Amino acid sequence: MTKKRGQQTLVFSVPPGIQATAAIAGPKEGEGLLGSYYDKVMEDNLSGQDNWEKCESYMMEWAVKTVVQKSGLLMMDIDFLLAGDLLNQLIATNFAMRGIGRPFLGLYGACSTMAESMLIGAMMLDGGFANHIVAAVSSHHDTAERQYRYPTELGVQRPLIAQWTITASGAVVLQAESKGPKITSATIGKVVDFGVKDTNSMGPAMAPAAVDTLWQHFQDTGRQADYYDMIYTGDLGKVGKELVIRLMKERGMDISNNYEDCGCMIYREDQDAHSGASGCASSAAVLCAYLYPRLVAGHLKKILFIGTGSLHSTTSYQQKESIPCIAHAVAVEI
């Protein structure tokens, strides 16, 4: 019997649970709104490593090892690791996995990778192919800026619509038959491209993809927005968040009372992050450091977690291509 509901949604027969989470962040993030919630805040953006890329791998390895320890498991208990980052060919993740030594599947969904990893992990657990899975992502402001935009040493002025790539890593242990918050369903997104070409305008580029997945989730499940205590997108920032609210209203659904974007929850107004946070770890850090503890404590009982990703590359940007985007939704319930 198929577990697919409607066009794009999966409903799990035996919903796997989130057993534990871990998050490590950089100093700017530590000074932000969620600074007291991270498991570890680094003193600087190198944390004793030779370069920013090695620091990002260090963050990923630290998050994975820490979340396994927090779950009470041994690394040998982890059947598979599902993880990714933003750097060329997942180099931050691939190098981090050298120190892990467990079966690994590298995933690239840009900043939607955390939700993608979690939904694929849930499929594997619900299908009986594993008992314990780790899903993890990382991003680093300086590595992303060096790859996608300008060397940080240039001090190029950023437009106000731009976002700040978060320096952080987040990891979760997913477990079959867990008593913790459970992944009950997931909606796999489609690539949506509204023709935006400005790589500083990530929020406006990704917002239509978020709306497409969110609307389809409601269509497939028959739910209304108020079914969830909160709906969270990954890293649309202030501009993208307002666009999502407006586009959903145009479809006849008001989500303004129970919707927030993770990119708006990380930095203070006076931290010069402009429109907010972006990056793979934007959604992961908020989920692992802040949302999961609130679910465990019962402050939240049903959330829809939507990872949003911009699928452009330096090559496509140089060829003046528009920005294809995607969003995946994961329902987490007590």
C-alpha atoms as a PDB file:
ATOM      1  CA  MET A   1       0.000   0.000   0.000  1.00  0.00           C
ATOM      2  CA  THR A   2       1.405   3.368  -1.025  1.00  0.00           C
ATOM      3  CA  LYS A   3       2.327   5.867   1.659  1.00  0.00           C
ATOM      4  CA  LYS A   4       2.013   8.747  -0.761  1.00  0.00           C
ATOM      5  CA  ARG A   5      -0.792  11.223  -0.161  1.00  0.00           C
ATOM      6  CA  GLY A   6      -1.917  13.446  -3.012  1.00  0.00           C
ATOM      7  CA  GLN A   7       0.704  14.705  -5.445  1.00  0.00           C
ATOM      8  CA  GLN A   8       3.833  15.216  -3.362  1.00  0.00           C
ATOM      9  CA  THR A   9       3.298  14.200   0.260  1.00  0.00           C
ATOM     10  CA  LEU A  10       4.399  11.111   2.194  1.00  0.00           C
ATOM     11  CA  VAL A  11       2.597   9.965   5.344  1.00  0.00           C
ATOM     12  CA  PHE A  12       4.633   7.603   7.500  1.00  0.00           C
ATOM     13  CA  SER A  13       3.040   4.431   8.868  1.00  0.00           C
ATOM     14  CA  VAL A  14       5.387   4.248  11.845  1.00  0.00           C
ATOM     15  CA  PRO A  15       6.574   7.842  12.264  1.00  0.00           C
ATOM     16  CA  PRO A  16      10.247   7.983  13.243  1.00  0.00           C
ATOM     17  CA  GLY A  17      11.222  10.270  16.084  1.00  0.00           C
ATOM     18  CA  ILE A  18      13.880  12.891  16.665  1.00  0.00           C
ATOM     19  CA  GLN A  19      15.944  11.414  19.472  1.00  0.00           C
ATOM     20  CA  ALA A  20      18.431  14.243  19.974  1.00  0.00           C
ATOM     21  CA  THR A  21      19.806  17.397  18.370  1.00  0.00           C
ATOM     22  CA  ALA A  22      23.067  19.339  18.509  1.00  0.00           C
ATOM     23  CA  ALA A  23      24.120  22.753  17.217  1.00  0.00           C
ATOM     24  CA  ILE A  24      27.416  24.620  17.081  1.00  0.00           C
ATOM     25  CA  ALA A  25      27.657  28.250  15.989  1.00  0.00           C
ATOM     26  CA  GLY A  26      30.110  31.042  15.295  1.00  0.00           C
ATOM     27  CA  PRO A  27      30.712  34.117  17.466  1.00  0.00           C
ATOM     28  CA  LYS A  28      28.343  36.416  15.536  1.00  0.00           C
ATOM     29  CA  GLU A  29      25.591  33.837  15.948  1.00  0.00           C
ATOM     30  CA  GLY A  30      26.489  33.468  19.619  1.00  0.00           C
ATOM     31  CA  GLU A  31      25.829  37.181  20.076  1.00  0.00           C
ATOM     32  CA  GLY A  32      22.459  36.858  18.356  1.00  0.00           C
ATOM     33  CA  LEU A  33      18.931  36.086  19.518  1.00  0.00           C
ATOM     34  CA  LEU A  34      19.558  32.366  20.108  1.00  0.00           C
ATOM     35  CA  GLY A  35      23.067  32.639  21.524  1.00  0.00           C
ATOM     36  CA  SER A  36      22.233  30.915  24.801  1.00  0.00           C
ATOM     37  CA  TYR A  37      20.637  27.917  23.077  1.00  0.00           C
ATOM     38  CA  TYR A  38      23.558  26.546  21.040  1.00  0.00           C
ATOM     39  CA  ASP A  39      25.504  23.605  22.468  1.00  0.00           C
ATOM     40  CA  LYS A  40      28.745  25.373  21.614  1.00  0.00           C
ATOM     41  CA  VAL A  41      29.712  28.857  20.427  1.00  0.00           C
ATOM     42  CA  MET A  42      33.143  29.173  18.823  1.00  0.00           C
ATOM     43  CA  GLU A  43      35.467  32.014  19.834  1.00  0.00           C
ATOM     44  CA  ASP A  44      36.148  32.950  16.194  1.00  0.00           C
ATOM     45  CA  ASN A  45      35.421  31.770  12.661  1.00  0.00           C
ATOM     46  CA  LEU A  46      38.490  29.527  12.516  1.00  0.00           C
ATOM     47  CA  SER A  47      38.277  27.713  15.858  1.00  0.00           C
ATOM     48  CA  GLY A  48      41.916  26.676  15.677  1.00  0.00           C
ATOM     49  CA  GLN A  49      41.746  25.473  12.061  1.00  0.00           C
ATOM     50  CA  ASP A  50      44.025  26.592   9.219  1.00  0.00           C
ATOM     51  CA  ASN A  51      41.250  28.041   7.074  1.00  0.00           C
ATOM     52  CA  TRP A  52      37.488  28.643   6.962  1.00  0.00           C
ATOM     53  CA  GLU A  53      36.774  25.502   4.939  1.00  0.00           C
ATOM     54  CA  LYS A  54      38.496  23.307   7.513  1.00  0.00           C
ATOM     55  CA  CYS A  55      36.543  25.097  10.215  1.00  0.00           C
ATOM     56  CA  GLU A  56      33.289  24.211   8.492  1.00  0.00           C
ATOM     57  CA  SER A  57      34.293  20.549   8.368  1.00  0.00           C
ATOM     58  CA  TYR A  58      35.230  20.762  12.041  1.00  0.00           C
ATOM     59  CA  MET A  59      31.766  22.132  12.879  1.00  0.00           C
ATOM     60  CA  MET A  60      30.053  19.322  10.990  1.00  0.00           C
ATOM     61  CA  GLU A  61      32.152  16.613  12.655  1.00  0.00           C
ATOM     62  CA  TRP A  62      31.593  18.193  16.081  1.00  0.00           C
ATOM     63  CA  ALA A  63      27.826  18.378  15.600  1.00  0.00           C
ATOM     64  CA  VAL A  64      27.557  14.763  14.444  1.00  0.00           C
ATOM     65  CA  LYS A  65      29.689  13.354  17.249  1.00  0.00           C
ATOM     66  CA  THR A  66      27.921  15.484  19.840  1.00  0.00           C
ATOM     67  CA  VAL A  67      24.391  14.556  18.770  1.00  0.00           C
ATOM     68  CA  VAL A  68      25.253  10.844  18.851  1.00  0.00           C
ATOM     69  CA  GLN A  69      26.664  11.272  22.351  1.00  0.00           C
ATOM     70  CA  LYS A  70      23.592  13.227  23.488  1.00  0.00           C
ATOM     71  CA  SER A  71      21.311  10.483  22.156  1.00  0.00           C
ATOM     72  CA  GLY A  72      22.997   7.885  24.368  1.00  0.00           C
ATOM     73  CA  LEU A  73      24.114   5.869  21.360  1.00  0.00           C
ATOM     74  CA  LEU A  74      27.520   4.835  20.082  1.00  0.00           C
ATOM     75  CA  MET A  75      28.700   5.860  16.638  1.00  0.00           C
ATOM     76  CA  MET A  76      28.544   2.183  15.625  1.00  0.00           C
ATOM     77  CA  ASP A  77      24.788   2.296  16.335  1.00  0.00           C
ATOM     78  CA  ILE A  78      24.269   4.808  13.517  1.00  0.00           C
ATOM     79  CA  ASP A  79      23.239   2.959  10.371  1.00  0.00           C
ATOM     80  CA  PHE A  80      23.573   5.864   7.935  1.00  0.00           C
ATOM     81  CA  LEU A  81      24.547   9.516   7.863  1.00  0.00           C
ATOM     82  CA  LEU A  82      22.714  11.897   5.511  1.00  0.00           C
ATOM     83  CA  ALA A  83      24.417  15.266   5.256  1.00  0.00           C
ATOM     84  CA  GLY A  84      25.432  18.148   3.018  1.00  0.00           C
ATOM     85  CA  ASP A  85      26.711  21.709   2.762  1.00  0.00           C
ATOM     86  CA  LEU A  86      27.088  24.521   0.219  1.00  0.00           C
ATOM     87  CA  LEU A  87      30.696  24.108  -0.880  1.00  0.00           C
ATOM     88  CA  ASN A  88      31.919  22.617  -4.148  1.00  0.00           C
ATOM     89  CA  GLN A  89      30.972  18.934  -4.298  1.00  0.00           C
ATOM     90  CA  LEU A  90      30.092  18.897  -0.571  1.00  0.00           C
ATOM     91  CA  ILE A  91      33.726  19.219   0.458  1.00  0.00           C
ATOM     92  CA  ALA A  92      32.979  20.373   3.999  1.00  0.00           C
ATOM     93  CA  THR A  93      30.802  17.330   4.615  1.00  0.00           C
ATOM     94  CA  ASN A  94      33.009  14.868   2.768  1.00  0.00           C
ATOM     95  CA  PHE A  95      36.088  15.873   4.754  1.00  0.00           C
ATOM     96  CA  ALA A  96      34.125  15.796   8.018  1.00  0.00           C
ATOM     97  CA  MET A  97      33.042  12.237   7.319  1.00  0.00           C
ATOM     98  CA  ARG A  98      36.668  11.078   7.309  1.00  0.00           C
ATOM     99  CA  GLY A  99      36.569  11.284  11.085  1.00  0.00           C
ATOM    100  CA  ILE A 100      33.172   9.614  11.459  1.00  0.00           C
ATOM    101  CA  GLY A 101      33.647   6.246   9.780  1.00  0.00           C
ATOM    102  CA  ARG A 102      29.993   5.326   9.149  1.00  0.00           C
ATOM    103  CA  PRO A 103      28.012   4.724   5.923  1.00  0.00           C
ATOM    104  CA  PHE A 104      27.301   8.093   4.378  1.00  0.00           C
ATOM    105  CA  LEU A 105      25.069   9.611   1.694  1.00  0.00           C
ATOM    106  CA  GLY A 106      25.958  13.144   0.626  1.00  0.00           C
ATOM    107  CA  LEU A 107      22.960  15.304  -0.277  1.00  0.00           C
ATOM    108  CA  TYR A 108      22.733  18.669  -1.975  1.00  0.00           C
ATOM    109  CA  GLY A 109      19.565  20.705  -1.753  1.00  0.00           C
ATOM    110  CA  ALA A 110      21.346  23.989  -1.029  1.00  0.00           C
ATOM    111  CA  CYS A 111      19.711  25.500   2.045  1.00  0.00           C
ATOM    112  CA  SER A 112      16.866  22.956   1.904  1.00  0.00           C
ATOM    113  CA  THR A 113      19.313  20.137   2.707  1.00  0.00           C
ATOM    114  CA  MET A 114      18.348  19.748   6.386  1.00  0.00           C
ATOM    115  CA  ALA A 115      14.691  19.128   5.550  1.00  0.00           C
ATOM    116  CA  GLU A 116      15.723  16.909   2.621  1.00  0.00           C
ATOM    117  CA  SER A 117      18.018  14.826   4.854  1.00  0.00           C
ATOM    118  CA  MET A 118      15.324  14.453   7.495  1.00  0.00           C
ATOM    119  CA  LEU A 119      12.596  13.386   5.085  1.00  0.00           C
ATOM    120  CA  ILE A 120      14.837  10.852   3.335  1.00  0.00           C
ATOM    121  CA  GLY A 121      15.952   9.565   6.735  1.00  0.00           C
ATOM    122  CA  ALA A 122      12.323   9.231   7.791  1.00  0.00           C
ATOM    123  CA  MET A 123      11.588   7.247   4.627  1.00  0.00           C
ATOM    124  CA  MET A 124      14.468   4.877   5.354  1.00  0.00           C
ATOM    125  CA  LEU A 125      13.390   4.365   8.959  1.00  0.00           C
ATOM    126  CA  ASP A 126       9.703   3.931   8.160  1.00  0.00           C
ATOM    127  CA  GLY A 127      10.658   1.487   5.416  1.00  0.00           C
ATOM    128  CA  GLY A 128      12.589  -0.668   7.860  1.00  0.00           C
ATOM    129  CA  PHE A 129      15.973  -0.044   6.264  1.00  0.00           C
ATOM    130  CA  ALA A 130      17.597   1.394   9.402  1.00  0.00           C
ATOM    131  CA  ASN A 131      17.126   1.940  13.118  1.00  0.00           C
ATOM    132  CA  HIS A 132      19.218   5.071  13.649  1.00  0.00           C
ATOM    133  CA  ILE A 133      20.088   7.822  11.183  1.00  0.00           C
ATOM    134  CA  VAL A 134      21.927  11.111  11.589  1.00  0.00           C
ATOM    135  CA  ALA A 135      20.907  14.062   9.412  1.00  0.00           C
ATOM    136  CA  ALA A 136      23.285  17.027   9.419  1.00  0.00           C
ATOM    137  CA  VAL A 137      24.234  20.194   7.541  1.00  0.00           C
ATOM    138  CA  SER A 138      26.720  23.037   7.852  1.00  0.00           C
ATOM    139  CA  SER A 139      27.404  26.477   6.433  1.00  0.00           C
ATOM    140  CA  HIS A 140      30.076  29.100   7.072  1.00  0.00           C
ATOM    141  CA  HIS A 141      29.774  32.769   6.247  1.00  0.00           C
ATOM    142  CA  ASP A 142      33.314  33.167   4.978  1.00  0.00           C
ATOM    143  CA  THR A 143      33.440  30.000   2.878  1.00  0.00           C
ATOM    144  CA  ALA A 144      30.101  30.820   1.228  1.00  0.00           C
ATOM    145  CA  GLU A 145      31.061  34.435   0.535  1.00  0.00           C
ATOM    146  CA  ARG A 146      34.365  33.355  -0.980  1.00  0.00           C
ATOM    147  CA  GLN A 147      32.621  30.828  -3.246  1.00  0.00           C
ATOM    148  CA  TYR A 148      29.438  32.611  -4.271  1.00  0.00           C
ATOM    149  CA  ARG A 149      30.149  36.329  -4.041  1.00  0.00           C
ATOM    150  CA  TYR A 150      33.343  38.216  -3.189  1.00  0.00           C
ATOM    151  CA  PRO A 151      36.390  37.560  -1.008  1.00  0.00           C
ATOM    152  CA  THR A 152      35.582  38.951   2.427  1.00  0.00           C
ATOM    153  CA  GLU A 153      38.853  40.894   2.363  1.00  0.00           C
ATOM    154  CA  LEU A 154      37.397  43.170  -0.340  1.00  0.00           C
ATOM    155  CA  GLY A 155      34.795  44.522   2.057  1.00  0.00           C
ATOM    156  CA  VAL A 156      32.178  44.807  -0.700  1.00  0.00           C
ATOM    157  CA  GLN A 157      29.084  46.671   0.474  1.00  0.00           C
ATOM    158  CA  ARG A 158      26.018  44.433   0.606  1.00  0.00           C
ATOM    159  CA  PRO A 159      22.567  45.681  -0.459  1.00  0.00           C
ATOM    160  CA  LEU A 160      19.916  45.850   2.250  1.00  0.00           C
ATOM    161  CA  ILE A 161      17.974  42.973   0.669  1.00  0.00           C
ATOM    162  CA  ALA A 162      20.980  40.669   1.146  1.00  0.00           C
ATOM    163  CA  GLN A 163      21.256  38.090   3.923  1.00  0.00           C
ATOM    164  CA  TRP A 164      24.151  36.899   6.086  1.00  0.00           C
ATOM    165  CA  THR A 165      25.232  33.282   5.643  1.00  0.00           C
ATOM    166  CA  ILE A 166      25.190  31.714   9.095  1.00  0.00           C
ATOM    167  CA  THR A 167      28.310  30.062  10.501  1.00  0.00           C
ATOM    168  CA  ALA A 168      26.947  26.953  12.185  1.00  0.00           C
ATOM    169  CA  SER A 169      26.218  23.253  11.960  1.00  0.00           C
ATOM    170  CA  GLY A 170      23.204  21.299  13.149  1.00  0.00           C
ATOM    171  CA  ALA A 171      22.621  17.561  13.468  1.00  0.00           C
ATOM    172  CA  VAL A 172      19.729  15.323  14.530  1.00  0.00           C
ATOM    173  CA  VAL A 173      19.478  11.647  15.417  1.00  0.00           C
ATOM    174  CA  LEU A 174      16.395  10.062  13.881  1.00  0.00           C
ATOM    175  CA  GLN A 175      15.248   6.797  15.435  1.00  0.00           C
ATOM    176  CA  ALA A 176      12.590   4.238  14.637  1.00  0.00           C
ATOM    177  CA  GLU A 177      10.036   3.702  17.404  1.00  0.00           C
ATOM    178  CA  SER A 178      11.188   6.803  19.286  1.00  0.00           C
ATOM    179  CA  LYS A 179       9.144   8.431  22.031  1.00  0.00           C
ATOM    180  CA  GLY A 180      10.304  11.927  21.101  1.00  0.00           C
ATOM    181  CA  PRO A 181       8.807  14.369  18.596  1.00  0.00           C
ATOM    182  CA  LYS A 182       7.899  12.409  15.482  1.00  0.00           C
ATOM    183  CA  ILE A 183       8.146  13.108  11.771  1.00  0.00           C
ATOM    184  CA  THR A 184       4.611  12.256  10.700  1.00  0.00           C
ATOM    185  CA  SER A 185       4.618  13.427   7.088  1.00  0.00           C
ATOM    186  CA  ALA A 186       6.750  15.215   4.514  1.00  0.00           C
ATOM    187  CA  THR A 187       6.105  17.054   1.275  1.00  0.00           C
ATOM    188  CA  ILE A 188       8.788  16.852  -1.413  1.00  0.00           C
ATOM    189  CA  GLY A 189       9.116  20.087  -3.345  1.00  0.00           C
ATOM    190  CA  LYS A 190       9.407  20.911  -7.028  1.00  0.00           C
ATOM    191  CA  VAL A 191      11.925  23.208  -8.671  1.00  0.00           C
ATOM    192  CA  VAL A 192      10.351  26.648  -9.056  1.00  0.00           C
ATOM    193  CA  ASP A 193      12.000  29.499 -10.977  1.00  0.00           C
ATOM    194  CA  PHE A 194      10.361  32.931 -11.190  1.00  0.00           C
ATOM    195  CA  GLY A 195      13.243  34.422 -13.159  1.00  0.00           C
ATOM    196  CA  VAL A 196      15.142  36.182 -10.353  1.00  0.00           C
ATOM    197  CA  LYS A 197      18.794  36.632 -11.335  1.00  0.00           C
ATOM    198  CA  ASP A 198      20.172  38.735  -8.472  1.00  0.00           C
ATOM    199  CA  THR A 199      22.091  36.428  -6.106  1.00  0.00           C
ATOM    200  CA  ASN A 200      21.685  38.982  -3.341  1.00  0.00           C
ATOM    201  CA  SER A 201      17.908  38.492  -3.528  1.00  0.00           C
ATOM    202  CA  MET A 202      17.697  34.993  -2.079  1.00  0.00           C
ATOM    203  CA  GLY A 203      14.458  35.602  -0.165  1.00  0.00           C
ATOM    204  CA  PRO A 204      12.409  36.769  -3.177  1.00  0.00           C
ATOM    205  CA  ALA A 205      13.906  33.994  -5.306  1.00  0.00           C
ATOM    206  CA  MET A 206      12.997  31.194  -2.856  1.00  0.00           C
ATOM    207  CA  ALA A 207       9.638  32.481  -1.563  1.00  0.00           C
ATOM    208  CA  PRO A 208       7.590  31.152  -4.532  1.00  0.00           C
ATOM    209  CA  ALA A 209       9.080  27.667  -4.016  1.00  0.00           C
ATOM    210  CA  ALA A 210       8.191  27.799  -0.321  1.00  0.00           C
ATOM    211  CA  VAL A 211       4.620  28.814  -1.164  1.00  0.00           C
ATOM    212  CA  ASP A 212       4.346  26.091  -3.816  1.00  0.00           C
ATOM    213  CA  THR A 213       5.346  23.371  -1.327  1.00  0.00           C
ATOM    214  CA  LEU A 214       3.322  24.817   1.540  1.00  0.00           C
ATOM    215  CA  TRP A 215       0.164  25.056  -0.560  1.00  0.00           C
ATOM    216  CA  GLN A 216       0.653  21.548  -1.931  1.00  0.00           C
ATOM    217  CA  HIS A 217       1.124  20.190   1.592  1.00  0.00           C
ATOM    218  CA  PHE A 218      -2.253  21.580   2.586  1.00  0.00           C
ATOM    219  CA  GLN A 219      -3.857  20.270  -0.600  1.00  0.00           C
ATOM    220  CA  ASP A 220      -2.413  16.783  -0.153  1.00  0.00           C
ATOM    221  CA  THR A 221      -3.226  16.476   3.555  1.00  0.00           C
ATOM    222  CA  GLY A 222      -6.519  18.385   3.657  1.00  0.00           C
ATOM    223  CA  ARG A 223      -5.180  20.458   6.549  1.00  0.00           C
ATOM    224  CA  GLN A 224      -5.560  24.162   7.189  1.00  0.00           C
ATOM    225  CA  ALA A 225      -2.830  26.492   8.402  1.00  0.00           C
ATOM    226  CA  ASP A 226      -4.131  26.442  11.981  1.00  0.00           C
ATOM    227  CA  TYR A 227      -3.488  22.690  12.205  1.00  0.00           C
ATOM    228  CA  TYR A 228       0.090  23.633  13.117  1.00  0.00           C
ATOM    229  CA  ASP A 229       1.155  25.641  16.134  1.00  0.00           C
ATOM    230  CA  MET A 230       3.836  27.185  13.931  1.00  0.00           C
ATOM    231  CA  ILE A 231       5.077  27.016  10.349  1.00  0.00           C
ATOM    232  CA  TYR A 232       8.791  27.718   9.836  1.00  0.00           C
ATOM    233  CA  THR A 233      10.602  28.363   6.563  1.00  0.00           C
ATOM    234  CA  GLY A 234      14.351  28.015   6.432  1.00  0.00           C
ATOM    235  CA  ASP A 235      16.091  31.192   5.311  1.00  0.00           C
ATOM    236  CA  LEU A 236      13.913  33.598   3.385  1.00  0.00           C
ATOM    237  CA  GLY A 237      14.752  36.567   5.598  1.00  0.00           C
ATOM    238  CA  LYS A 238      12.500  39.557   6.183  1.00  0.00           C
ATOM    239  CA  VAL A 239      11.722  40.266   2.540  1.00  0.00           C
ATOM    240  CA  GLY A 240      11.049  36.648   1.614  1.00  0.00           C
ATOM    241  CA  LYS A 241       8.926  36.099   4.720  1.00  0.00           C
ATOM    242  CA  GLU A 242       6.622  38.994   3.874  1.00  0.00           C
ATOM    243  CA  LEU A 243       6.376  37.747   0.305  1.00  0.00           C
ATOM    244  CA  VAL A 244       5.292  34.273   1.493  1.00  0.00           C
ATOM    245  CA  ILE A 245       2.555  35.792   3.647  1.00  0.00           C
ATOM    246  CA  ARG A 246       1.326  37.894   0.725  1.00  0.00           C
ATOM    247  CA  LEU A 247       1.397  35.042  -1.800  1.00  0.00           C
ATOM    248  CA  MET A 248      -0.481  32.727   0.566  1.00  0.00           C
ATOM    249  CA  LYS A 249      -3.134  35.410   1.130  1.00  0.00           C
ATOM    250  CA  GLU A 250      -3.563  35.626  -2.626  1.00  0.00           C
ATOM    251  CA  ARG A 251      -4.416  31.909  -2.520  1.00  0.00           C
ATOM    252  CA  GLY A 252      -6.978  32.519   0.204  1.00  0.00           C
ATOM    253  CA  MET A 253      -4.971  31.411   3.233  1.00  0.00           C
ATOM    254  CA  ASP A 254      -3.719  33.702   6.006  1.00  0.00           C
ATOM    255  CA  ILE A 255      -0.669  32.270   7.786  1.00  0.00           C
ATOM    256  CA  SER A 256       0.486  35.527   9.375  1.00  0.00           C
ATOM    257  CA  ASN A 257      -0.463  34.445  12.913  1.00  0.00           C
ATOM    258  CA  ASN A 258       1.522  31.198  13.030  1.00  0.00           C
ATOM    259  CA  TYR A 259       4.371  31.615  10.565  1.00  0.00           C
ATOM    260  CA  GLU A 260       8.007  32.595  11.066  1.00  0.00           C
ATOM    261  CA  ASP A 261      11.202  32.328   9.066  1.00  0.00           C
ATOM    262  CA  CYS A 262      14.302  30.881  10.721  1.00  0.00           C
ATOM    263  CA  GLY A 263      16.415  33.492   8.973  1.00  0.00           C
ATOM    264  CA  CYS A 264      14.625  36.172  11.003  1.00  0.00           C
ATOM    265  CA  MET A 265      15.254  34.427  14.332  1.00  0.00           C
ATOM    266  CA  ILE A 266      19.056  34.345  14.481  1.00  0.00           C
ATOM    267  CA  TYR A 267      20.486  37.879  14.492  1.00  0.00           C
ATOM    268  CA  ARG A 268      19.580  41.038  16.379  1.00  0.00           C
ATOM    269  CA  GLU A 269      18.596  44.161  14.466  1.00  0.00           C
ATOM    270  CA  ASP A 270      21.875  45.878  15.361  1.00  0.00           C
ATOM    271  CA  GLN A 271      24.092  43.054  14.019  1.00  0.00           C
ATOM    272  CA  ASP A 272      24.082  44.342  10.439  1.00  0.00           C
ATOM    273  CA  ALA A 273      22.712  41.121   8.960  1.00  0.00           C
ATOM    274  CA  HIS A 274      20.367  43.193   6.773  1.00  0.00           C
ATOM    275  CA  SER A 275      17.445  40.969   5.720  1.00  0.00           C
ATOM    276  CA  GLY A 276      18.430  38.127   8.081  1.00  0.00           C
ATOM    277  CA  ALA A 277      20.279  34.830   7.997  1.00  0.00           C
ATOM    278  CA  SER A 278      20.763  32.374   5.144  1.00  0.00           C
ATOM    279  CA  GLY A 279      22.688  29.161   4.594  1.00  0.00           C
ATOM    280  CA  CYS A 280      22.184  25.429   5.134  1.00  0.00           C
ATOM    281  CA  ALA A 281      22.550  25.822   8.872  1.00  0.00           C
ATOM    282  CA  SER A 282      19.999  28.623   9.189  1.00  0.00           C
ATOM    283  CA  SER A 283      17.072  26.231   9.516  1.00  0.00           C
ATOM    284  CA  ALA A 284      19.199  23.516  11.148  1.00  0.00           C
ATOM    285  CA  ALA A 285      20.537  25.739  13.927  1.00  0.00           C
ATOM    286  CA  VAL A 286      17.069  27.046  14.794  1.00  0.00           C
ATOM    287  CA  LEU A 287      15.562  23.548  14.728  1.00  0.00           C
ATOM    288  CA  CYS A 288      18.324  21.893  16.735  1.00  0.00           C
ATOM    289  CA  ALA A 289      19.015  24.644  19.262  1.00  0.00           C
ATOM    290  CA  TYR A 290      15.575  26.164  19.798  1.00  0.00           C
ATOM    291  CA  LEU A 291      12.593  24.381  18.243  1.00  0.00           C
ATOM    292  CA  TYR A 292      13.389  20.822  19.327  1.00  0.00           C
ATOM    293  CA  PRO A 293      13.709  21.718  23.034  1.00  0.00           C
ATOM    294  CA  ARG A 294      10.390  23.570  22.804  1.00  0.00           C
ATOM    295  CA  LEU A 295       8.779  20.487  21.278  1.00  0.00           C
ATOM    296  CA  VAL A 296      10.190  18.243  23.991  1.00  0.00           C
ATOM    297  CA  ALA A 297       8.977  20.645  26.678  1.00  0.00           C
ATOM    298  CA  GLY A 298       5.502  20.730  25.152  1.00  0.00           C
ATOM    299  CA  HIS A 299       5.571  24.444  24.277  1.00  0.00           C
ATOM    300  CA  LEU A 300       5.078  23.382  20.655  1.00  0.00           C
ATOM    301  CA  LYS A 301       3.146  20.270  19.642  1.00  0.00           C
ATOM    302  CA  LYS A 302       2.842  20.501  15.858  1.00  0.00           C
ATOM    303  CA  ILE A 303       5.191  22.345  13.536  1.00  0.00           C
ATOM    304  CA  LEU A 304       5.765  22.359   9.796  1.00  0.00           C
ATOM    305  CA  PHE A 305       9.465  22.779   9.053  1.00  0.00           C
ATOM    306  CA  ILE A 306      10.160  23.912   5.470  1.00  0.00           C
ATOM    307  CA  GLY A 307      13.718  23.915   4.177  1.00  0.00           C
ATOM    308  CA  THR A 308      14.209  26.457   1.378  1.00  0.00           C
ATOM    309  CA  GLY A 309      17.029  26.195  -1.141  1.00  0.00           C
ATOM    310  CA  SER A 310      18.477  28.239  -3.984  1.00  0.00           C
ATOM    311  CA  LEU A 311      19.922  25.831  -6.540  1.00  0.00           C
ATOM    312  CA  HIS A 312      22.155  28.220  -8.458  1.00  0.00           C
ATOM    313  CA  SER A 313      25.929  27.883  -8.753  1.00  0.00           C
ATOM    314  CA  THR A 314      28.834  30.151  -9.594  1.00  0.00           C
ATOM    315  CA  THR A 315      28.760  28.686 -13.110  1.00  0.00           C
ATOM    316  CA  SER A 316      25.056  29.371 -13.673  1.00  0.00           C
ATOM    317  CA  TYR A 317      25.445  32.897 -12.282  1.00  0.00           C
ATOM    318  CA  GLN A 318      28.331  33.653 -14.632  1.00  0.00           C
ATOM    319  CA  GLN A 319      26.192  32.382 -17.510  1.00  0.00           C
ATOM    320  CA  LYS A 320      23.480  34.882 -16.421  1.00  0.00           C
ATOM    321  CA  GLU A 321      20.979  32.132 -15.665  1.00  0.00           C
ATOM    322  CA  SER A 322      18.015  32.727 -13.371  1.00  0.00           C
ATOM    323  CA  ILE A 323      17.851  31.060  -9.953  1.00  0.00           C
ATOM    324  CA  PRO A 324      15.949  27.736  -9.660  1.00  0.00           C
ATOM    325  CA  CYS A 325      14.696  27.122  -6.127  1.00  0.00           C
ATOM    326  CA  ILE A 326      13.134  24.320  -4.109  1.00  0.00           C
ATOM    327  CA  ALA A 327      11.479  23.754  -0.739  1.00  0.00           C
ATOM    328  CA  HIS A 328      10.775  20.572   1.236  1.00  0.00           C
ATOM    329  CA  ALA A 329       8.380  20.366   4.165  1.00  0.00           C
ATOM    330  CA  VAL A 330       8.619  18.092   7.210  1.00  0.00           C
ATOM    331  CA  ALA A 331       5.796  17.839   9.754  1.00  0.00           C
ATOM    332  CA  VAL A 332       7.030  17.253  13.315  1.00  0.00           C
ATOM    333  CA  GLU A 333       4.438  16.433  15.951  1.00  0.00           C
ATOM    334  CA  ILE A 334       4.187  15.331  19.576  1.00  0.00           C
END
